[in-house]
Structures are given as C-alpha cells and as structure tokens.
Amino acid sequence: MLKVLLGLFFAFNVYAADAKEVYSLKDVILKKHNSYYTIVLATVLPSQNYQKIITDNNIGYNAVAYHFGQKDKYVKVIFGAYESYEEAFDSLIKLDTNLLSNKPYIEKIDKHITLFHKYENQL
C-alpha cells in the first residue's frame, strides 16, 4: 500500500512539473502583454449572435469578444493566450469541429490588445 501511495505521489509531482502554465487571455489583454499569440475564432457583425460561439462551445473561461470599427461595426472573437506560435497551433488543432468550420487562425495578440483598448471594450 505504501509503495502505491509513493508511486502516485511521484507520478503527480512529475505531471505537475511537466504541465504548461495556462495564461488567462483576459489578464494578458488587461496587462497589455504584447508578446503572446491568440487564436482568432471569428470576425462577425454585431447583429450575428457572436456570444453563441462562446456559449455553445463552452469556451467562456478563456475567450473574449470585442467590438471594433466605426460605430462598433464588427466583433472579433479570440481564444487563448499562448507564449509561442507552436503552443497556439497545438491548441488550434484540438478545437471542436464547430469552431474549425469558421477557419480560425493564429495572430500576435498585440493588434487585438490595441483594438480592444482603442474602442473602450470592457471585460
């Protein structure tokens, strides 16, 4: 029994050491960390139900929708904050097929931080 407990303890510690840090997209935007990457899930008109993209796919924990353009003409839905393009790509290929149908792509987050603050969006 002691061997089993020690084995579980060791396995947990190794897993915890190998786990990658998860970055909050909302924190990255608010703190203006420009070096990250994000996944652009959609660019839509406000009349389209952009919140449905987030709620139907249960990604509200790390997704942001923000308005931009003259008279808030468009809404951009972005997901995740990643230290590298490779991390973002790993996450992109694991997205649900509903999200992949919109042809998501990866971009540096700096442009989105600028637009978010320029058009005075709130989290």
Foldseek 3Di string as FASTA:
>chain_A
DVVVVVVVVVVVVVVVVPDDDFDAQVVCLVVVVQQWKWKWQDKAAPVPPPVCVCVVQVQPRRKDWAFADVVSGIIIIIGGTGNDPVVNVVVVVPGDVVSCVSVIDMDGCNVVSVRRVVVPHDD
